Amino acid sequence: MKRFFIAVCIIAAFCFSGCGKKKDSSKELAENVAQNKVIPIYQAEEDKFFDFDENEVQDFAFVDDEGEAADNLVVENKEEKFDDEWDEDELTLAWEDEIEQDEEFKVVNFDLNRNEIRDDQRPVVAQNVKVAKDVVESGKDIVVAGHCCQLGPPSFNMSLSEKRAKTIRDEMVKGGVPEGKVKIIGCGSECPVVLSDNSDKEEKIKELAPNRRADISSS
């Protein structure tokens, strides 16, 4: 019995000594944390963290070289760079729009009380004939409207405006436009582009010059 009691005491003493060391270790750990000391990683955990297959390294997106980084940037921005370039279809449409704008009919101007083509208007008429041929080939007709200024009696202006329209039609026919594809209209002085109440006759004639014209369109 005495031996059994002694053995129990020895075991108890051993246990208390172990608990004391554990408490001291916990206390030391807490003090180290409080003082911002680095706590070493257990070797087993460290080995586990770095224990991986070298073939898996390729899954990481590390870039060590600036040139390689630049290459990656170019690849990533290829789509954006392409979006900034002109689309071929858009360029074609823009080019076609410019052609259509260049091929619009030009106004032909006349002198007062005259229906002959002025020398300075010859290039304009020639360009209109060229456009008229293209328009007719596309299946459309040409309409030539003659106009006069407000000077002179209405009956005279109506007749003169028709003669101006006919003059332009004759030039188109000479240039190869079928006569049946060109219609003429006399508008007299009913569709002015400018007005003038100037009391000076010479100045008034100059101011009303834009009204003495022939307008051309397609239908």
C-alpha atoms as a PDB file:
ATOM      1  CA  MET A   1       0.000   0.000   0.000  1.00  0.00           C
ATOM      2  CA  LYS A   2       2.814   2.289   0.911  1.00  0.00           C
ATOM      3  CA  ARG A   3       4.549   1.501  -2.392  1.00  0.00           C
ATOM      4  CA  PHE A   4       1.347   2.204  -4.335  1.00  0.00           C
ATOM      5  CA  PHE A   5       0.968   5.607  -2.631  1.00  0.00           C
ATOM      6  CA  ILE A   6       4.557   6.534  -3.446  1.00  0.00           C
ATOM      7  CA  ALA A   7       4.038   5.583  -7.118  1.00  0.00           C
ATOM      8  CA  VAL A   8       0.906   7.734  -7.306  1.00  0.00           C
ATOM      9  CA  CYS A   9       2.777  10.692  -5.846  1.00  0.00           C
ATOM     10  CA  ILE A  10       5.590  10.331  -8.368  1.00  0.00           C
ATOM     11  CA  ILE A  11       3.133  10.228 -11.297  1.00  0.00           C
ATOM     12  CA  ALA A  12       1.269  13.259  -9.956  1.00  0.00           C
ATOM     13  CA  ALA A  13       4.485  15.210  -9.549  1.00  0.00           C
ATOM     14  CA  PHE A  14       5.488  14.382 -13.141  1.00  0.00           C
ATOM     15  CA  CYS A  15       2.128  15.565 -14.486  1.00  0.00           C
ATOM     16  CA  PHE A  16       2.265  18.827 -12.565  1.00  0.00           C
ATOM     17  CA  SER A  17       5.758  19.537 -13.829  1.00  0.00           C
ATOM     18  CA  GLY A  18       4.608  18.987 -17.466  1.00  0.00           C
ATOM     19  CA  CYS A  19       1.655  21.334 -17.056  1.00  0.00           C
ATOM     20  CA  GLY A  20       3.959  23.937 -15.636  1.00  0.00           C
ATOM     21  CA  LYS A  21       6.226  23.791 -18.665  1.00  0.00           C
ATOM     22  CA  LYS A  22       3.228  24.009 -20.989  1.00  0.00           C
ATOM     23  CA  LYS A  23       1.937  27.054 -19.121  1.00  0.00           C
ATOM     24  CA  ASP A  24       5.371  28.644 -19.304  1.00  0.00           C
ATOM     25  CA  SER A  25       5.531  27.987 -23.050  1.00  0.00           C
ATOM     26  CA  SER A  26       2.058  29.508 -23.591  1.00  0.00           C
ATOM     27  CA  LYS A  27       3.061  32.490 -21.525  1.00  0.00           C
ATOM     28  CA  GLU A  28       6.276  32.935 -23.537  1.00  0.00           C
ATOM     29  CA  LEU A  29       4.312  32.673 -26.842  1.00  0.00           C
ATOM     30  CA  ALA A  30       1.870  35.354 -25.713  1.00  0.00           C
ATOM     31  CA  GLU A  31       4.725  37.660 -24.724  1.00  0.00           C
ATOM     32  CA  ASN A  32       6.408  37.184 -28.124  1.00  0.00           C
ATOM     33  CA  VAL A  33       3.185  38.026 -29.956  1.00  0.00           C
ATOM     34  CA  ALA A  34       2.659  41.090 -27.810  1.00  0.00           C
ATOM     35  CA  GLN A  35       6.176  42.271 -28.628  1.00  0.00           C
ATOM     36  CA  ASN A  36       5.633  41.674 -32.413  1.00  0.00           C
ATOM     37  CA  LYS A  37       8.314  39.005 -32.514  1.00  0.00           C
ATOM     38  CA  VAL A  38       8.376  36.635 -35.475  1.00  0.00           C
ATOM     39  CA  ILE A  39       7.089  33.198 -34.575  1.00  0.00           C
ATOM     40  CA  PRO A  40       8.927  30.539 -36.577  1.00  0.00           C
ATOM     41  CA  ILE A  41       6.853  28.174 -38.698  1.00  0.00           C
ATOM     42  CA  TYR A  42       6.950  24.565 -37.731  1.00  0.00           C
ATOM     43  CA  GLN A  43       9.191  22.656 -40.028  1.00  0.00           C
ATOM     44  CA  ALA A  44       6.450  20.163 -40.886  1.00  0.00           C
ATOM     45  CA  GLU A  45       4.079  22.927 -42.013  1.00  0.00           C
ATOM     46  CA  GLU A  46       6.866  24.631 -43.989  1.00  0.00           C
ATOM     47  CA  ASP A  47       7.695  21.418 -45.826  1.00  0.00           C
ATOM     48  CA  LYS A  48       4.015  20.863 -46.565  1.00  0.00           C
ATOM     49  CA  PHE A  49       3.636  24.382 -48.041  1.00  0.00           C
ATOM     50  CA  PHE A  50       6.533  23.945 -50.471  1.00  0.00           C
ATOM     51  CA  ASP A  51       5.728  20.345 -51.309  1.00  0.00           C
ATOM     52  CA  PHE A  52       4.287  20.616 -54.848  1.00  0.00           C
ATOM     53  CA  ASP A  53       4.891  19.225 -58.295  1.00  0.00           C
ATOM     54  CA  GLU A  54       7.231  21.341 -60.453  1.00  0.00           C
ATOM     55  CA  ASN A  55       4.921  20.751 -63.432  1.00  0.00           C
ATOM     56  CA  GLU A  56       2.230  22.745 -61.639  1.00  0.00           C
ATOM     57  CA  VAL A  57       4.372  25.891 -61.693  1.00  0.00           C
ATOM     58  CA  GLN A  58       3.170  26.661 -65.215  1.00  0.00           C
ATOM     59  CA  ASP A  59      -0.298  27.402 -63.804  1.00  0.00           C
ATOM     60  CA  PHE A  60       1.104  30.503 -62.077  1.00  0.00           C
ATOM     61  CA  ALA A  61       1.022  33.820 -63.997  1.00  0.00           C
ATOM     62  CA  PHE A  62       4.474  35.040 -62.983  1.00  0.00           C
ATOM     63  CA  VAL A  63       6.308  37.324 -65.439  1.00  0.00           C
ATOM     64  CA  ASP A  64       9.982  37.871 -64.716  1.00  0.00           C
ATOM     65  CA  ASP A  65      10.989  39.671 -67.916  1.00  0.00           C
ATOM     66  CA  GLU A  66       9.770  43.137 -69.015  1.00  0.00           C
ATOM     67  CA  GLY A  67       9.914  42.114 -72.659  1.00  0.00           C
ATOM     68  CA  GLU A  68       7.671  39.146 -71.998  1.00  0.00           C
ATOM     69  CA  ALA A  69       5.269  41.428 -70.171  1.00  0.00           C
ATOM     70  CA  ALA A  70       5.189  43.770 -73.153  1.00  0.00           C
ATOM     71  CA  ASP A  71       4.480  40.863 -75.491  1.00  0.00           C
ATOM     72  CA  ASN A  72       1.598  39.757 -73.322  1.00  0.00           C
ATOM     73  CA  LEU A  73       0.249  43.314 -73.333  1.00  0.00           C
ATOM     74  CA  VAL A  74       0.295  43.430 -77.122  1.00  0.00           C
ATOM     75  CA  VAL A  75      -1.576  40.133 -77.343  1.00  0.00           C
ATOM     76  CA  GLU A  76      -4.206  41.303 -74.895  1.00  0.00           C
ATOM     77  CA  ASN A  77      -4.723  44.566 -76.760  1.00  0.00           C
ATOM     78  CA  LYS A  78      -4.924  43.071 -80.253  1.00  0.00           C
ATOM     79  CA  GLU A  79      -8.723  43.149 -80.326  1.00  0.00           C
ATOM     80  CA  GLU A  80      -8.833  46.730 -79.079  1.00  0.00           C
ATOM     81  CA  LYS A  81      -6.222  47.767 -81.643  1.00  0.00           C
ATOM     82  CA  PHE A  82      -8.255  46.148 -84.429  1.00  0.00           C
ATOM     83  CA  ASP A  83     -11.368  48.053 -83.352  1.00  0.00           C
ATOM     84  CA  ASP A  84      -9.513  51.344 -83.866  1.00  0.00           C
ATOM     85  CA  GLU A  85      -8.736  50.496 -87.496  1.00  0.00           C
ATOM     86  CA  TRP A  86     -10.994  51.529 -90.378  1.00  0.00           C
ATOM     87  CA  ASP A  87     -13.403  48.888 -91.546  1.00  0.00           C
ATOM     88  CA  GLU A  88     -13.056  48.221 -95.289  1.00  0.00           C
ATOM     89  CA  ASP A  89     -16.813  48.369 -95.853  1.00  0.00           C
ATOM     90  CA  GLU A  90     -17.035  51.713 -94.054  1.00  0.00           C
ATOM     91  CA  LEU A  91     -14.244  53.095 -96.207  1.00  0.00           C
ATOM     92  CA  THR A  92     -16.031  51.927 -99.353  1.00  0.00           C
ATOM     93  CA  LEU A  93     -19.305  53.541 -98.291  1.00  0.00           C
ATOM     94  CA  ALA A  94     -17.557  56.804 -97.412  1.00  0.00           C
ATOM     95  CA  TRP A  95     -15.848  56.781-100.802  1.00  0.00           C
ATOM     96  CA  GLU A  96     -19.137  56.134-102.613  1.00  0.00           C
ATOM     97  CA  ASP A  97     -20.832  58.963-100.679  1.00  0.00           C
ATOM     98  CA  GLU A  98     -18.070  61.320-101.750  1.00  0.00           C
ATOM     99  CA  ILE A  99     -18.565  60.332-105.394  1.00  0.00           C
ATOM    100  CA  GLU A 100     -22.313  60.918-105.170  1.00  0.00           C
ATOM    101  CA  GLN A 101     -21.697  64.330-103.651  1.00  0.00           C
ATOM    102  CA  ASP A 102     -19.222  65.226-106.418  1.00  0.00           C
ATOM    103  CA  GLU A 103     -21.712  64.133-109.087  1.00  0.00           C
ATOM    104  CA  GLU A 104     -24.532  66.459-108.067  1.00  0.00           C
ATOM    105  CA  PHE A 105     -25.963  68.713-110.744  1.00  0.00           C
ATOM    106  CA  LYS A 106     -24.708  72.287-110.751  1.00  0.00           C
ATOM    107  CA  VAL A 107     -26.815  75.397-111.312  1.00  0.00           C
ATOM    108  CA  VAL A 108     -26.358  77.051-114.711  1.00  0.00           C
ATOM    109  CA  ASN A 109     -26.636  80.851-114.726  1.00  0.00           C
ATOM    110  CA  PHE A 110     -27.749  83.122-117.576  1.00  0.00           C
ATOM    111  CA  ASP A 111     -27.446  86.783-118.503  1.00  0.00           C
ATOM    112  CA  LEU A 112     -30.412  89.144-118.312  1.00  0.00           C
ATOM    113  CA  ASN A 113     -33.012  88.451-121.014  1.00  0.00           C
ATOM    114  CA  ARG A 114     -30.785  85.775-122.591  1.00  0.00           C
ATOM    115  CA  ASN A 115     -30.958  82.009-122.906  1.00  0.00           C
ATOM    116  CA  GLU A 116     -27.547  81.389-124.541  1.00  0.00           C
ATOM    117  CA  ILE A 117     -24.927  79.572-122.485  1.00  0.00           C
ATOM    118  CA  ARG A 118     -22.247  81.923-121.201  1.00  0.00           C
ATOM    119  CA  ASP A 119     -18.603  81.074-121.732  1.00  0.00           C
ATOM    120  CA  ASP A 120     -17.945  80.812-117.995  1.00  0.00           C
ATOM    121  CA  GLN A 121     -20.859  78.332-117.712  1.00  0.00           C
ATOM    122  CA  ARG A 122     -19.576  75.914-120.364  1.00  0.00           C
ATOM    123  CA  PRO A 123     -17.595  73.748-117.870  1.00  0.00           C
ATOM    124  CA  VAL A 124     -20.656  73.606-115.613  1.00  0.00           C
ATOM    125  CA  VAL A 125     -22.869  72.425-118.474  1.00  0.00           C
ATOM    126  CA  ALA A 126     -20.286  69.818-119.530  1.00  0.00           C
ATOM    127  CA  GLN A 127     -20.172  68.434-115.979  1.00  0.00           C
ATOM    128  CA  ASN A 128     -23.974  68.317-115.859  1.00  0.00           C
ATOM    129  CA  VAL A 129     -24.084  66.368-119.104  1.00  0.00           C
ATOM    130  CA  LYS A 130     -21.686  63.793-117.675  1.00  0.00           C
ATOM    131  CA  VAL A 131     -23.769  63.417-114.522  1.00  0.00           C
ATOM    132  CA  ALA A 132     -26.973  63.215-116.569  1.00  0.00           C
ATOM    133  CA  LYS A 133     -25.612  60.275-118.565  1.00  0.00           C
ATOM    134  CA  ASP A 134     -24.782  58.375-115.377  1.00  0.00           C
ATOM    135  CA  VAL A 135     -28.207  59.147-113.916  1.00  0.00           C
ATOM    136  CA  VAL A 136     -30.002  57.936-117.052  1.00  0.00           C
ATOM    137  CA  GLU A 137     -27.937  54.723-117.061  1.00  0.00           C
ATOM    138  CA  SER A 138     -29.157  54.096-113.516  1.00  0.00           C
ATOM    139  CA  GLY A 139     -32.765  54.177-114.804  1.00  0.00           C
ATOM    140  CA  LYS A 140     -33.786  57.703-113.831  1.00  0.00           C
ATOM    141  CA  ASP A 141     -35.033  60.684-115.846  1.00  0.00           C
ATOM    142  CA  ILE A 142     -33.675  64.232-115.918  1.00  0.00           C
ATOM    143  CA  VAL A 143     -35.735  67.337-115.112  1.00  0.00           C
ATOM    144  CA  VAL A 144     -34.495  70.782-116.192  1.00  0.00           C
ATOM    145  CA  ALA A 145     -36.311  73.779-114.673  1.00  0.00           C
ATOM    146  CA  GLY A 146     -35.710  77.219-116.162  1.00  0.00           C
ATOM    147  CA  HIS A 147     -36.057  80.384-114.042  1.00  0.00           C
ATOM    148  CA  CYS A 148     -36.076  84.157-114.469  1.00  0.00           C
ATOM    149  CA  CYS A 149     -35.667  87.140-112.182  1.00  0.00           C
ATOM    150  CA  GLN A 150     -38.529  89.446-111.238  1.00  0.00           C
ATOM    151  CA  LEU A 151     -37.643  92.004-113.882  1.00  0.00           C
ATOM    152  CA  GLY A 152     -39.940  92.027-116.920  1.00  0.00           C
ATOM    153  CA  PRO A 153     -43.583  90.986-117.427  1.00  0.00           C
ATOM    154  CA  PRO A 154     -44.680  87.502-116.253  1.00  0.00           C
ATOM    155  CA  SER A 155     -45.579  86.263-119.751  1.00  0.00           C
ATOM    156  CA  PHE A 156     -42.120  87.166-121.076  1.00  0.00           C
ATOM    157  CA  ASN A 157     -40.380  85.542-118.109  1.00  0.00           C
ATOM    158  CA  MET A 158     -42.376  82.341-118.500  1.00  0.00           C
ATOM    159  CA  SER A 159     -41.383  82.005-122.139  1.00  0.00           C
ATOM    160  CA  LEU A 160     -37.758  82.860-121.418  1.00  0.00           C
ATOM    161  CA  SER A 161     -37.539  80.327-118.574  1.00  0.00           C
ATOM    162  CA  GLU A 162     -38.759  77.567-120.927  1.00  0.00           C
ATOM    163  CA  LYS A 163     -36.123  78.559-123.500  1.00  0.00           C
ATOM    164  CA  ARG A 164     -33.392  78.352-120.873  1.00  0.00           C
ATOM    165  CA  ALA A 165     -34.508  74.869-119.889  1.00  0.00           C
ATOM    166  CA  LYS A 166     -34.608  73.816-123.546  1.00  0.00           C
ATOM    167  CA  THR A 167     -31.072  75.121-124.090  1.00  0.00           C
ATOM    168  CA  ILE A 168     -29.751  72.846-121.349  1.00  0.00           C
ATOM    169  CA  ARG A 169     -31.718  69.882-122.679  1.00  0.00           C
ATOM    170  CA  ASP A 170     -30.245  70.399-126.164  1.00  0.00           C
ATOM    171  CA  GLU A 171     -26.730  70.347-124.719  1.00  0.00           C
ATOM    172  CA  MET A 172     -27.480  67.085-122.924  1.00  0.00           C
ATOM    173  CA  VAL A 173     -28.835  65.499-126.079  1.00  0.00           C
ATOM    174  CA  LYS A 174     -25.684  66.587-127.952  1.00  0.00           C
ATOM    175  CA  GLY A 175     -23.667  64.935-125.196  1.00  0.00           C
ATOM    176  CA  GLY A 176     -25.401  61.581-125.636  1.00  0.00           C
ATOM    177  CA  VAL A 177     -28.363  61.776-123.278  1.00  0.00           C
ATOM    178  CA  PRO A 178     -31.576  60.413-124.871  1.00  0.00           C
ATOM    179  CA  GLU A 179     -33.972  63.286-125.575  1.00  0.00           C
ATOM    180  CA  GLY A 180     -36.915  61.332-124.204  1.00  0.00           C
ATOM    181  CA  LYS A 181     -35.165  61.069-120.831  1.00  0.00           C
ATOM    182  CA  VAL A 182     -34.990  64.859-120.336  1.00  0.00           C
ATOM    183  CA  LYS A 183     -38.052  66.861-119.291  1.00  0.00           C
ATOM    184  CA  ILE A 184     -38.172  70.682-119.255  1.00  0.00           C
ATOM    185  CA  ILE A 185     -40.204  73.058-117.089  1.00  0.00           C
ATOM    186  CA  GLY A 186     -40.594  76.855-117.309  1.00  0.00           C
ATOM    187  CA  CYS A 187     -41.066  78.422-113.859  1.00  0.00           C
ATOM    188  CA  GLY A 188     -40.949  82.101-114.885  1.00  0.00           C
ATOM    189  CA  SER A 189     -40.038  84.254-111.866  1.00  0.00           C
ATOM    190  CA  GLU A 190     -42.145  82.281-109.393  1.00  0.00           C
ATOM    191  CA  CYS A 191     -39.250  80.522-107.607  1.00  0.00           C
ATOM    192  CA  PRO A 192     -36.607  83.149-106.776  1.00  0.00           C
ATOM    193  CA  VAL A 193     -33.585  82.356-104.608  1.00  0.00           C
ATOM    194  CA  VAL A 194     -33.000  86.037-103.787  1.00  0.00           C
ATOM    195  CA  LEU A 195     -35.198  89.146-103.595  1.00  0.00           C
ATOM    196  CA  SER A 196     -34.333  92.806-104.037  1.00  0.00           C
ATOM    197  CA  ASP A 197     -36.155  96.086-103.513  1.00  0.00           C
ATOM    198  CA  ASN A 198     -33.194  98.188-104.596  1.00  0.00           C
ATOM    199  CA  SER A 199     -34.322 101.342-106.402  1.00  0.00           C
ATOM    200  CA  ASP A 200     -31.139 101.493-108.466  1.00  0.00           C
ATOM    201  CA  LYS A 201     -31.726  99.526-111.665  1.00  0.00           C
ATOM    202  CA  GLU A 202     -28.113  98.457-112.275  1.00  0.00           C
ATOM    203  CA  GLU A 203     -27.645  97.337-108.692  1.00  0.00           C
ATOM    204  CA  LYS A 204     -30.956  95.507-108.754  1.00  0.00           C
ATOM    205  CA  ILE A 205     -29.943  93.584-111.901  1.00  0.00           C
ATOM    206  CA  LYS A 206     -26.745  92.447-110.175  1.00  0.00           C
ATOM    207  CA  GLU A 207     -28.537  91.458-106.981  1.00  0.00           C
ATOM    208  CA  LEU A 208     -31.116  89.362-108.861  1.00  0.00           C
ATOM    209  CA  ALA A 209     -28.530  87.523-110.982  1.00  0.00           C
ATOM    210  CA  PRO A 210     -28.808  84.206-109.026  1.00  0.00           C
ATOM    211  CA  ASN A 211     -32.476  83.962-110.096  1.00  0.00           C
ATOM    212  CA  ARG A 212     -31.596  83.804-113.822  1.00  0.00           C
ATOM    213  CA  ARG A 213     -30.742  80.112-113.868  1.00  0.00           C
ATOM    214  CA  ALA A 214     -31.524  76.522-114.773  1.00  0.00           C
ATOM    215  CA  ASP A 215     -31.859  73.919-112.021  1.00  0.00           C
ATOM    216  CA  ILE A 216     -31.333  70.251-112.882  1.00  0.00           C
ATOM    217  CA  SER A 217     -32.516  67.229-110.904  1.00  0.00           C
ATOM    218  CA  SER A 218     -33.369  63.552-111.379  1.00  0.00           C
ATOM    219  CA  SER A 219     -36.677  61.774-110.966  1.00  0.00           C
END
